PDB file of N, CA and C in Angstrom:
ATOM      1  N   MET A   1      -5.629 -12.928  -8.320  1.00  0.00           N
ATOM      2  CA  MET A   1      -4.954 -12.131  -7.310  1.00  0.00           C
ATOM      3  C   MET A   1      -5.089 -12.864  -5.967  1.00  0.00           C
ATOM      4  N   ASN A   2      -3.963 -13.197  -5.381  1.00  0.00           N
ATOM      5  CA  ASN A   2      -3.943 -13.818  -4.065  1.00  0.00           C
ATOM      6  C   ASN A   2      -4.053 -12.724  -3.010  1.00  0.00           C
ATOM      7  N   ILE A   3      -5.143 -12.728  -2.266  1.00  0.00           N
ATOM      8  CA  ILE A   3      -5.428 -11.665  -1.292  1.00  0.00           C
ATOM      9  C   ILE A   3      -4.315 -11.541  -0.255  1.00  0.00           C
ATOM     10  N   LYS A   4      -3.615 -12.618   0.064  1.00  0.00           N
ATOM     11  CA  LYS A   4      -2.547 -12.576   1.057  1.00  0.00           C
ATOM     12  C   LYS A   4      -1.318 -11.823   0.557  1.00  0.00           C
ATOM     13  N   GLU A   5      -1.218 -11.609  -0.737  1.00  0.00           N
ATOM     14  CA  GLU A   5      -0.080 -10.898  -1.315  1.00  0.00           C
ATOM     15  C   GLU A   5      -0.281  -9.388  -1.338  1.00  0.00           C
ATOM     16  N   TYR A   6      -1.472  -8.926  -0.969  1.00  0.00           N
ATOM     17  CA  TYR A   6      -1.796  -7.507  -1.075  1.00  0.00           C
ATOM     18  C   TYR A   6      -2.238  -6.942   0.273  1.00  0.00           C
ATOM     19  N   ALA A   7      -2.043  -5.638   0.399  1.00  0.00           N
ATOM     20  CA  ALA A   7      -2.480  -4.913   1.598  1.00  0.00           C
ATOM     21  C   ALA A   7      -3.279  -3.697   1.142  1.00  0.00           C
ATOM     22  N   ALA A   8      -4.153  -3.228   2.010  1.00  0.00           N
ATOM     23  CA  ALA A   8      -4.934  -2.023   1.718  1.00  0.00           C
ATOM     24  C   ALA A   8      -4.114  -0.804   2.142  1.00  0.00           C
ATOM     25  N   LEU A   9      -4.011   0.150   1.238  1.00  0.00           N
ATOM     26  CA  LEU A   9      -3.349   1.419   1.532  1.00  0.00           C
ATOM     27  C   LEU A   9      -4.400   2.514   1.431  1.00  0.00           C
ATOM     28  N   GLN A  10      -4.544   3.249   2.504  1.00  0.00           N
ATOM     29  CA  GLN A  10      -5.469   4.380   2.527  1.00  0.00           C
ATOM     30  C   GLN A  10      -4.634   5.633   2.775  1.00  0.00           C
ATOM     31  N   ILE A  11      -4.849   6.654   1.957  1.00  0.00           N
ATOM     32  CA  ILE A  11      -4.158   7.933   2.112  1.00  0.00           C
ATOM     33  C   ILE A  11      -5.200   8.987   2.425  1.00  0.00           C
ATOM     34  N   LEU A  12      -4.998   9.701   3.527  1.00  0.00           N
ATOM     35  CA  LEU A  12      -5.897  10.776   3.939  1.00  0.00           C
ATOM     36  C   LEU A  12      -5.135  12.095   3.849  1.00  0.00           C
ATOM     37  N   PHE A  13      -5.708  13.052   3.148  1.00  0.00           N
ATOM     38  CA  PHE A  13      -5.075  14.353   2.953  1.00  0.00           C
ATOM     39  C   PHE A  13      -5.667  15.379   3.916  1.00  0.00           C
ATOM     40  N   HIS A  14      -4.812  16.156   4.546  1.00  0.00           N
ATOM     41  CA  HIS A  14      -5.268  17.217   5.444  1.00  0.00           C
ATOM     42  C   HIS A  14      -6.171  18.183   4.669  1.00  0.00           C
ATOM     43  N   PRO A  15      -7.218  18.715   5.307  1.00  0.00           N
ATOM     44  CA  PRO A  15      -8.147  19.628   4.607  1.00  0.00           C
ATOM     45  C   PRO A  15      -7.473  20.862   3.990  1.00  0.00           C
ATOM     46  N   SER A  16      -6.321  21.272   4.515  1.00  0.00           N
ATOM     47  CA  SER A  16      -5.664  22.461   3.964  1.00  0.00           C
ATOM     48  C   SER A  16      -4.904  22.189   2.662  1.00  0.00           C
ATOM     49  N   ILE A  17      -4.775  20.942   2.276  1.00  0.00           N
ATOM     50  CA  ILE A  17      -4.118  20.616   0.998  1.00  0.00           C
ATOM     51  C   ILE A  17      -5.132  20.875  -0.108  1.00  0.00           C
ATOM     52  N   PRO A  18      -4.791  21.782  -1.037  1.00  0.00           N
ATOM     53  CA  PRO A  18      -5.776  22.213  -2.046  1.00  0.00           C
ATOM     54  C   PRO A  18      -5.956  21.230  -3.210  1.00  0.00           C
ATOM     55  N   ILE A  19      -6.478  20.057  -2.884  1.00  0.00           N
ATOM     56  CA  ILE A  19      -6.845  19.084  -3.915  1.00  0.00           C
ATOM     57  C   ILE A  19      -8.282  18.658  -3.644  1.00  0.00           C
ATOM     58  N   SER A  20      -8.980  18.249  -4.679  1.00  0.00           N
ATOM     59  CA  SER A  20     -10.406  17.957  -4.532  1.00  0.00           C
ATOM     60  C   SER A  20     -10.668  16.627  -3.825  1.00  0.00           C
ATOM     61  N   GLN A  21      -9.855  15.640  -4.058  1.00  0.00           N
ATOM     62  CA  GLN A  21     -10.058  14.318  -3.458  1.00  0.00           C
ATOM     63  C   GLN A  21      -9.252  14.247  -2.158  1.00  0.00           C
ATOM     64  N   LYS A  22      -9.905  14.071  -1.032  1.00  0.00           N
ATOM     65  CA  LYS A  22      -9.236  14.085   0.274  1.00  0.00           C
ATOM     66  C   LYS A  22      -8.889  12.703   0.801  1.00  0.00           C
ATOM     67  N   LYS A  23      -9.197  11.667   0.018  1.00  0.00           N
ATOM     68  CA  LYS A  23      -8.934  10.298   0.450  1.00  0.00           C
ATOM     69  C   LYS A  23      -8.689   9.429  -0.780  1.00  0.00           C
ATOM     70  N   MET A  24      -7.695   8.569  -0.694  1.00  0.00           N
ATOM     71  CA  MET A  24      -7.420   7.609  -1.758  1.00  0.00           C
ATOM     72  C   MET A  24      -7.269   6.227  -1.117  1.00  0.00           C
ATOM     73  N   GLU A  25      -7.694   5.207  -1.836  1.00  0.00           N
ATOM     74  CA  GLU A  25      -7.549   3.839  -1.356  1.00  0.00           C
ATOM     75  C   GLU A  25      -7.097   2.957  -2.505  1.00  0.00           C
ATOM     76  N   LYS A  26      -6.211   2.017  -2.183  1.00  0.00           N
ATOM     77  CA  LYS A  26      -5.717   1.107  -3.212  1.00  0.00           C
ATOM     78  C   LYS A  26      -5.182  -0.151  -2.542  1.00  0.00           C
ATOM     79  N   ARG A  27      -5.273  -1.262  -3.244  1.00  0.00           N
ATOM     80  CA  ARG A  27      -4.627  -2.496  -2.792  1.00  0.00           C
ATOM     81  C   ARG A  27      -3.237  -2.491  -3.418  1.00  0.00           C
ATOM     82  N   VAL A  28      -2.232  -2.677  -2.574  1.00  0.00           N
ATOM     83  CA  VAL A  28      -0.842  -2.654  -3.040  1.00  0.00           C
ATOM     84  C   VAL A  28      -0.163  -3.969  -2.680  1.00  0.00           C
ATOM     85  N   LYS A  29       0.809  -4.318  -3.467  1.00  0.00           N
ATOM     86  CA  LYS A  29       1.521  -5.577  -3.265  1.00  0.00           C
ATOM     87  C   LYS A  29       2.408  -5.495  -2.024  1.00  0.00           C
ATOM     88  N   LYS A  30       2.280  -6.486  -1.156  1.00  0.00           N
ATOM     89  CA  LYS A  30       3.166  -6.569   0.001  1.00  0.00           C
ATOM     90  C   LYS A  30       4.589  -6.746  -0.501  1.00  0.00           C
ATOM     91  N   GLY A  31       5.529  -6.197   0.218  1.00  0.00           N
ATOM     92  CA  GLY A  31       6.928  -6.289  -0.191  1.00  0.00           C
ATOM     93  C   GLY A  31       7.429  -5.005  -0.828  1.00  0.00           C
ATOM     94  N   LEU A  32       6.510  -4.202  -1.396  1.00  0.00           N
ATOM     95  CA  LEU A  32       6.910  -2.870  -1.849  1.00  0.00           C
ATOM     96  C   LEU A  32       7.274  -2.056  -0.626  1.00  0.00           C
ATOM     97  N   THR A  33       8.102  -1.033  -0.804  1.00  0.00           N
ATOM     98  CA  THR A  33       8.324  -0.137   0.327  1.00  0.00           C
ATOM     99  C   THR A  33       7.113   0.777   0.456  1.00  0.00           C
ATOM    100  N   ILE A  34       6.942   1.338   1.634  1.00  0.00           N
ATOM    101  CA  ILE A  34       5.836   2.264   1.853  1.00  0.00           C
ATOM    102  C   ILE A  34       5.962   3.434   0.889  1.00  0.00           C
ATOM    103  N   GLY A  35       7.169   3.944   0.693  1.00  0.00           N
ATOM    104  CA  GLY A  35       7.386   5.062  -0.228  1.00  0.00           C
ATOM    105  C   GLY A  35       6.994   4.720  -1.658  1.00  0.00           C
ATOM    106  N   GLN A  36       7.366   3.538  -2.126  1.00  0.00           N
ATOM    107  CA  GLN A  36       7.001   3.112  -3.480  1.00  0.00           C
ATOM    108  C   GLN A  36       5.492   3.022  -3.631  1.00  0.00           C
ATOM    109  N   ALA A  37       4.840   2.423  -2.662  1.00  0.00           N
ATOM    110  CA  ALA A  37       3.386   2.267  -2.727  1.00  0.00           C
ATOM    111  C   ALA A  37       2.684   3.619  -2.665  1.00  0.00           C
ATOM    112  N   LEU A  38       3.213   4.525  -1.863  1.00  0.00           N
ATOM    113  CA  LEU A  38       2.639   5.865  -1.750  1.00  0.00           C
ATOM    114  C   LEU A  38       2.722   6.594  -3.086  1.00  0.00           C
ATOM    115  N   ILE A  39       3.886   6.600  -3.709  1.00  0.00           N
ATOM    116  CA  ILE A  39       4.057   7.278  -5.001  1.00  0.00           C
ATOM    117  C   ILE A  39       3.196   6.599  -6.065  1.00  0.00           C
ATOM    118  N   GLU A  40       3.186   5.278  -6.095  1.00  0.00           N
ATOM    119  CA  GLU A  40       2.378   4.529  -7.069  1.00  0.00           C
ATOM    120  C   GLU A  40       0.899   4.889  -6.947  1.00  0.00           C
ATOM    121  N   THR A  41       0.425   5.024  -5.728  1.00  0.00           N
ATOM    122  CA  THR A  41      -0.975   5.369  -5.496  1.00  0.00           C
ATOM    123  C   THR A  41      -1.250   6.815  -5.882  1.00  0.00           C
ATOM    124  N   LEU A  42      -0.372   7.720  -5.511  1.00  0.00           N
ATOM    125  CA  LEU A  42      -0.563   9.135  -5.849  1.00  0.00           C
ATOM    126  C   LEU A  42      -0.580   9.369  -7.360  1.00  0.00           C
ATOM    127  N   LYS A  43       0.115   8.537  -8.117  1.00  0.00           N
ATOM    128  CA  LYS A  43       0.126   8.670  -9.578  1.00  0.00           C
ATOM    129  C   LYS A  43      -1.266   8.517 -10.178  1.00  0.00           C
ATOM    130  N   GLU A  44      -2.170   7.893  -9.449  1.00  0.00           N
ATOM    131  CA  GLU A  44      -3.527   7.688  -9.953  1.00  0.00           C
ATOM    132  C   GLU A  44      -4.394   8.934  -9.820  1.00  0.00           C
ATOM    133  N   ASN A  45      -3.885   9.958  -9.152  1.00  0.00           N
ATOM    134  CA  ASN A  45      -4.602  11.221  -9.013  1.00  0.00           C
ATOM    135  C   ASN A  45      -3.635  12.333  -9.430  1.00  0.00           C
ATOM    136  N   GLU A  46      -3.767  12.794 -10.659  1.00  0.00           N
ATOM    137  CA  GLU A  46      -2.820  13.768 -11.206  1.00  0.00           C
ATOM    138  C   GLU A  46      -2.720  15.023 -10.342  1.00  0.00           C
ATOM    139  N   GLU A  47      -3.845  15.492  -9.839  1.00  0.00           N
ATOM    140  CA  GLU A  47      -3.870  16.695  -9.009  1.00  0.00           C
ATOM    141  C   GLU A  47      -3.025  16.506  -7.740  1.00  0.00           C
ATOM    142  N   ALA A  48      -3.238  15.409  -7.043  1.00  0.00           N
ATOM    143  CA  ALA A  48      -2.479  15.120  -5.817  1.00  0.00           C
ATOM    144  C   ALA A  48      -1.011  14.882  -6.140  1.00  0.00           C
ATOM    145  N   PHE A  49      -0.751  14.112  -7.182  1.00  0.00           N
ATOM    146  CA  PHE A  49       0.628  13.803  -7.567  1.00  0.00           C
ATOM    147  C   PHE A  49       1.398  15.083  -7.876  1.00  0.00           C
ATOM    148  N   ASN A  50       0.834  15.958  -8.695  1.00  0.00           N
ATOM    149  CA  ASN A  50       1.525  17.195  -9.069  1.00  0.00           C
ATOM    150  C   ASN A  50       1.760  18.123  -7.880  1.00  0.00           C
ATOM    151  N   TYR A  51       0.845  18.104  -6.919  1.00  0.00           N
ATOM    152  CA  TYR A  51       0.978  18.981  -5.752  1.00  0.00           C
ATOM    153  C   TYR A  51       1.996  18.439  -4.738  1.00  0.00           C
ATOM    154  N   LEU A  52       2.042  17.128  -4.587  1.00  0.00           N
ATOM    155  CA  LEU A  52       2.824  16.530  -3.505  1.00  0.00           C
ATOM    156  C   LEU A  52       4.154  15.912  -3.901  1.00  0.00           C
ATOM    157  N   VAL A  53       4.349  15.615  -5.175  1.00  0.00           N
ATOM    158  CA  VAL A  53       5.514  14.826  -5.582  1.00  0.00           C
ATOM    159  C   VAL A  53       6.417  15.604  -6.529  1.00  0.00           C
ATOM    160  N   LYS A  54       7.718  15.456  -6.301  1.00  0.00           N
ATOM    161  CA  LYS A  54       8.722  16.014  -7.215  1.00  0.00           C
ATOM    162  C   LYS A  54       9.861  15.001  -7.296  1.00  0.00           C
ATOM    163  N   ASN A  55      10.247  14.652  -8.504  1.00  0.00           N
ATOM    164  CA  ASN A  55      11.323  13.677  -8.725  1.00  0.00           C
ATOM    165  C   ASN A  55      11.068  12.357  -7.995  1.00  0.00           C
ATOM    166  N   GLU A  56       9.819  11.883  -8.073  1.00  0.00           N
ATOM    167  CA  GLU A  56       9.413  10.603  -7.486  1.00  0.00           C
ATOM    168  C   GLU A  56       9.550  10.560  -5.963  1.00  0.00           C
ATOM    169  N   LYS A  57       9.562  11.722  -5.310  1.00  0.00           N
ATOM    170  CA  LYS A  57       9.601  11.801  -3.845  1.00  0.00           C
ATOM    171  C   LYS A  57       8.594  12.834  -3.374  1.00  0.00           C
ATOM    172  N   ILE A  58       8.094  12.643  -2.149  1.00  0.00           N
ATOM    173  CA  ILE A  58       7.191  13.637  -1.561  1.00  0.00           C
ATOM    174  C   ILE A  58       7.987  14.921  -1.345  1.00  0.00           C
ATOM    175  N   ARG A  59       7.411  16.024  -1.781  1.00  0.00           N
ATOM    176  CA  ARG A  59       8.078  17.318  -1.625  1.00  0.00           C
ATOM    177  C   ARG A  59       8.348  17.615  -0.149  1.00  0.00           C
ATOM    178  N   PRO A  60       9.353  18.440   0.127  1.00  0.00           N
ATOM    179  CA  PRO A  60       9.561  18.907   1.502  1.00  0.00           C
ATOM    180  C   PRO A  60       8.339  19.709   1.955  1.00  0.00           C
ATOM    181  N   GLY A  61       8.131  19.775   3.257  1.00  0.00           N
ATOM    182  CA  GLY A  61       7.038  20.573   3.796  1.00  0.00           C
ATOM    183  C   GLY A  61       5.796  19.784   4.157  1.00  0.00           C
ATOM    184  N   PHE A  62       5.875  18.458   4.080  1.00  0.00           N
ATOM    185  CA  PHE A  62       4.735  17.614   4.418  1.00  0.00           C
ATOM    186  C   PHE A  62       5.139  16.547   5.425  1.00  0.00           C
ATOM    187  N   LEU A  63       4.267  16.321   6.390  1.00  0.00           N
ATOM    188  CA  LEU A  63       4.433  15.210   7.314  1.00  0.00           C
ATOM    189  C   LEU A  63       3.696  14.016   6.725  1.00  0.00           C
ATOM    190  N   ILE A  64       4.328  12.854   6.771  1.00  0.00           N
ATOM    191  CA  ILE A  64       3.729  11.612   6.295  1.00  0.00           C
ATOM    192  C   ILE A  64       3.605  10.721   7.531  1.00  0.00           C
ATOM    193  N   LEU A  65       2.391  10.544   8.021  1.00  0.00           N
ATOM    194  CA  LEU A  65       2.168   9.856   9.294  1.00  0.00           C
ATOM    195  C   LEU A  65       1.453   8.522   9.125  1.00  0.00           C
ATOM    196  N   ASN A  66       1.875   7.552   9.940  1.00  0.00           N
ATOM    197  CA  ASN A  66       1.188   6.274  10.074  1.00  0.00           C
ATOM    198  C   ASN A  66       1.284   5.876  11.535  1.00  0.00           C
ATOM    199  N   ASN A  67       0.148   5.669  12.168  1.00  0.00           N
ATOM    200  CA  ASN A  67       0.123   5.310  13.596  1.00  0.00           C
ATOM    201  C   ASN A  67       0.939   6.276  14.449  1.00  0.00           C
ATOM    202  N   LYS A  68       0.769   7.567  14.190  1.00  0.00           N
ATOM    203  CA  LYS A  68       1.419   8.649  14.932  1.00  0.00           C
ATOM    204  C   LYS A  68       2.942   8.672  14.776  1.00  0.00           C
ATOM    205  N   ILE A  69       3.463   7.975  13.765  1.00  0.00           N
ATOM    206  CA  ILE A  69       4.901   7.977  13.475  1.00  0.00           C
ATOM    207  C   ILE A  69       5.120   8.702  12.160  1.00  0.00           C
ATOM    208  N   GLU A  70       6.047   9.655  12.158  1.00  0.00           N
ATOM    209  CA  GLU A  70       6.384  10.398  10.948  1.00  0.00           C
ATOM    210  C   GLU A  70       7.327   9.529  10.122  1.00  0.00           C
ATOM    211  N   LEU A  71       6.923   9.181   8.913  1.00  0.00           N
ATOM    212  CA  LEU A  71       7.627   8.181   8.122  1.00  0.00           C
ATOM    213  C   LEU A  71       8.862   8.708   7.388  1.00  0.00           C
ATOM    214  N   LYS A  72       8.864   9.979   6.978  1.00  0.00           N
ATOM    215  CA  LYS A  72      10.023  10.505   6.241  1.00  0.00           C
ATOM    216  C   LYS A  72      11.240  10.632   7.145  1.00  0.00           C
ATOM    217  N   THR A  73      11.078  11.337   8.265  1.00  0.00           N
ATOM    218  CA  THR A  73      12.226  11.623   9.117  1.00  0.00           C
ATOM    219  C   THR A  73      12.735  10.387   9.867  1.00  0.00           C
ATOM    220  N   THR A  74      11.898   9.389  10.037  1.00  0.00           N
ATOM    221  CA  THR A  74      12.324   8.164  10.727  1.00  0.00           C
ATOM    222  C   THR A  74      12.876   7.121   9.756  1.00  0.00           C
ATOM    223  N   GLY A  75      12.815   7.411   8.453  1.00  0.00           N
ATOM    224  CA  GLY A  75      13.319   6.470   7.460  1.00  0.00           C
ATOM    225  C   GLY A  75      12.381   5.306   7.187  1.00  0.00           C
ATOM    226  N   LYS A  76      11.186   5.356   7.728  1.00  0.00           N
ATOM    227  CA  LYS A  76      10.251   4.242   7.591  1.00  0.00           C
ATOM    228  C   LYS A  76       9.589   4.177   6.207  1.00  0.00           C
ATOM    229  N   LEU A  77       9.775   5.197   5.369  1.00  0.00           N
ATOM    230  CA  LEU A  77       9.251   5.098   4.002  1.00  0.00           C
ATOM    231  C   LEU A  77       9.945   3.970   3.240  1.00  0.00           C
ATOM    232  N   GLU A  78      11.119   3.565   3.723  1.00  0.00           N
ATOM    233  CA  GLU A  78      11.866   2.477   3.083  1.00  0.00           C
ATOM    234  C   GLU A  78      11.492   1.108   3.646  1.00  0.00           C
ATOM    235  N   SER A  79      10.596   1.077   4.641  1.00  0.00           N
ATOM    236  CA  SER A  79      10.137  -0.196   5.211  1.00  0.00           C
ATOM    237  C   SER A  79       9.224  -0.917   4.232  1.00  0.00           C
ATOM    238  N   LYS A  80       9.278  -2.224   4.239  1.00  0.00           N
ATOM    239  CA  LYS A  80       8.412  -3.044   3.384  1.00  0.00           C
ATOM    240  C   LYS A  80       6.999  -3.088   3.957  1.00  0.00           C
ATOM    241  N   ILE A  81       6.035  -3.093   3.075  1.00  0.00           N
ATOM    242  CA  ILE A  81       4.636  -3.209   3.496  1.00  0.00           C
ATOM    243  C   ILE A  81       4.363  -4.646   3.894  1.00  0.00           C
ATOM    244  N   GLU A  82       3.838  -4.802   5.100  1.00  0.00           N
ATOM    245  CA  GLU A  82       3.518  -6.134   5.605  1.00  0.00           C
ATOM    246  C   GLU A  82       2.023  -6.303   5.855  1.00  0.00           C
ATOM    247  N   GLY A  83       1.304  -5.165   5.973  1.00  0.00           N
ATOM    248  CA  GLY A  83      -0.136  -5.231   6.247  1.00  0.00           C
ATOM    249  C   GLY A  83      -0.795  -3.920   5.853  1.00  0.00           C
ATOM    250  N   ASP A  84      -2.073  -3.813   6.165  1.00  0.00           N
ATOM    251  CA  ASP A  84      -2.843  -2.625   5.804  1.00  0.00           C
ATOM    252  C   ASP A  84      -2.262  -1.374   6.473  1.00  0.00           C
ATOM    253  N   LEU A  85      -2.320  -0.247   5.745  1.00  0.00           N
ATOM    254  CA  LEU A  85      -1.774   1.022   6.232  1.00  0.00           C
ATOM    255  C   LEU A  85      -2.763   2.159   6.017  1.00  0.00           C
ATOM    256  N   THR A  86      -2.788   3.077   6.950  1.00  0.00           N
ATOM    257  CA  THR A  86      -3.477   4.350   6.762  1.00  0.00           C
ATOM    258  C   THR A  86      -2.433   5.431   6.925  1.00  0.00           C
ATOM    259  N   ILE A  87      -2.228   6.202   5.884  1.00  0.00           N
ATOM    260  CA  ILE A  87      -1.232   7.267   5.882  1.00  0.00           C
ATOM    261  C   ILE A  87      -1.949   8.605   5.836  1.00  0.00           C
ATOM    262  N   ARG A  88      -1.520   9.505   6.692  1.00  0.00           N
ATOM    263  CA  ARG A  88      -2.053  10.867   6.719  1.00  0.00           C
ATOM    264  C   ARG A  88      -0.965  11.802   6.211  1.00  0.00           C
ATOM    265  N   ILE A  89      -1.349  12.681   5.276  1.00  0.00           N
ATOM    266  CA  ILE A  89      -0.406  13.668   4.742  1.00  0.00           C
ATOM    267  C   ILE A  89      -0.856  15.027   5.239  1.00  0.00           C
ATOM    268  N   ILE A  90       0.044  15.697   5.963  1.00  0.00           N
ATOM    269  CA  ILE A  90      -0.271  16.974   6.602  1.00  0.00           C
ATOM    270  C   ILE A  90       0.814  17.971   6.257  1.00  0.00           C
ATOM    271  N   PRO A  91       0.456  19.167   5.776  1.00  0.00           N
ATOM    272  CA  PRO A  91       1.468  20.199   5.562  1.00  0.00           C
ATOM    273  C   PRO A  91       2.105  20.570   6.906  1.00  0.00           C
ATOM    274  N   ILE A  92       3.382  20.860   6.894  1.00  0.00           N
ATOM    275  CA  ILE A  92       4.043  21.248   8.142  1.00  0.00           C
ATOM    276  C   ILE A  92       3.430  22.512   8.708  1.00  0.00           C
ATOM    277  N   SER A  93       3.075  23.452   7.853  1.00  0.00           N
ATOM    278  CA  SER A  93       2.433  24.693   8.327  1.00  0.00           C
ATOM    279  C   SER A  93       0.943  24.636   8.005  1.00  0.00           C
ATOM    280  N   HIS A  94       0.229  23.782   8.703  1.00  0.00           N
ATOM    281  CA  HIS A  94      -1.192  23.558   8.417  1.00  0.00           C
ATOM    282  C   HIS A  94      -2.119  24.474   9.210  1.00  0.00           C
ATOM    283  N   GLY A  95      -1.561  25.341  10.018  1.00  0.00           N
ATOM    284  CA  GLY A  95      -2.390  26.346  10.698  1.00  0.00           C
ATOM    285  C   GLY A  95      -3.134  25.859  11.913  1.00  0.00           C
ATOM    286  N   GLY A  96      -2.748  24.778  12.480  1.00  0.00           N
ATOM    287  CA  GLY A  96      -3.456  24.342  13.674  1.00  0.00           C
ATOM    288  C   GLY A  96      -2.787  23.245  14.301  1.00  0.00           C
TER     289      GLY A  96
END
């Protein structure tokens, strides 16, 4: 594995999301879209995948943030991964 071909993806789940694991980490291949890497990583946790994903897309009602930018509404989920990412998943109605 050539380390330059991969990036670290960290997913942090808001505490109000009812899944047991609140953080996931994986090395993903650069060149994948952020959305592809996100779904690929979520597949490794059945509980998170079933709660957050429908038809290979994040269900409506969740904010997907990276560096204070919402990735779904800005179309950035289709951007290619070029470096390490930390993604925060927050329900739209998270109570605070």
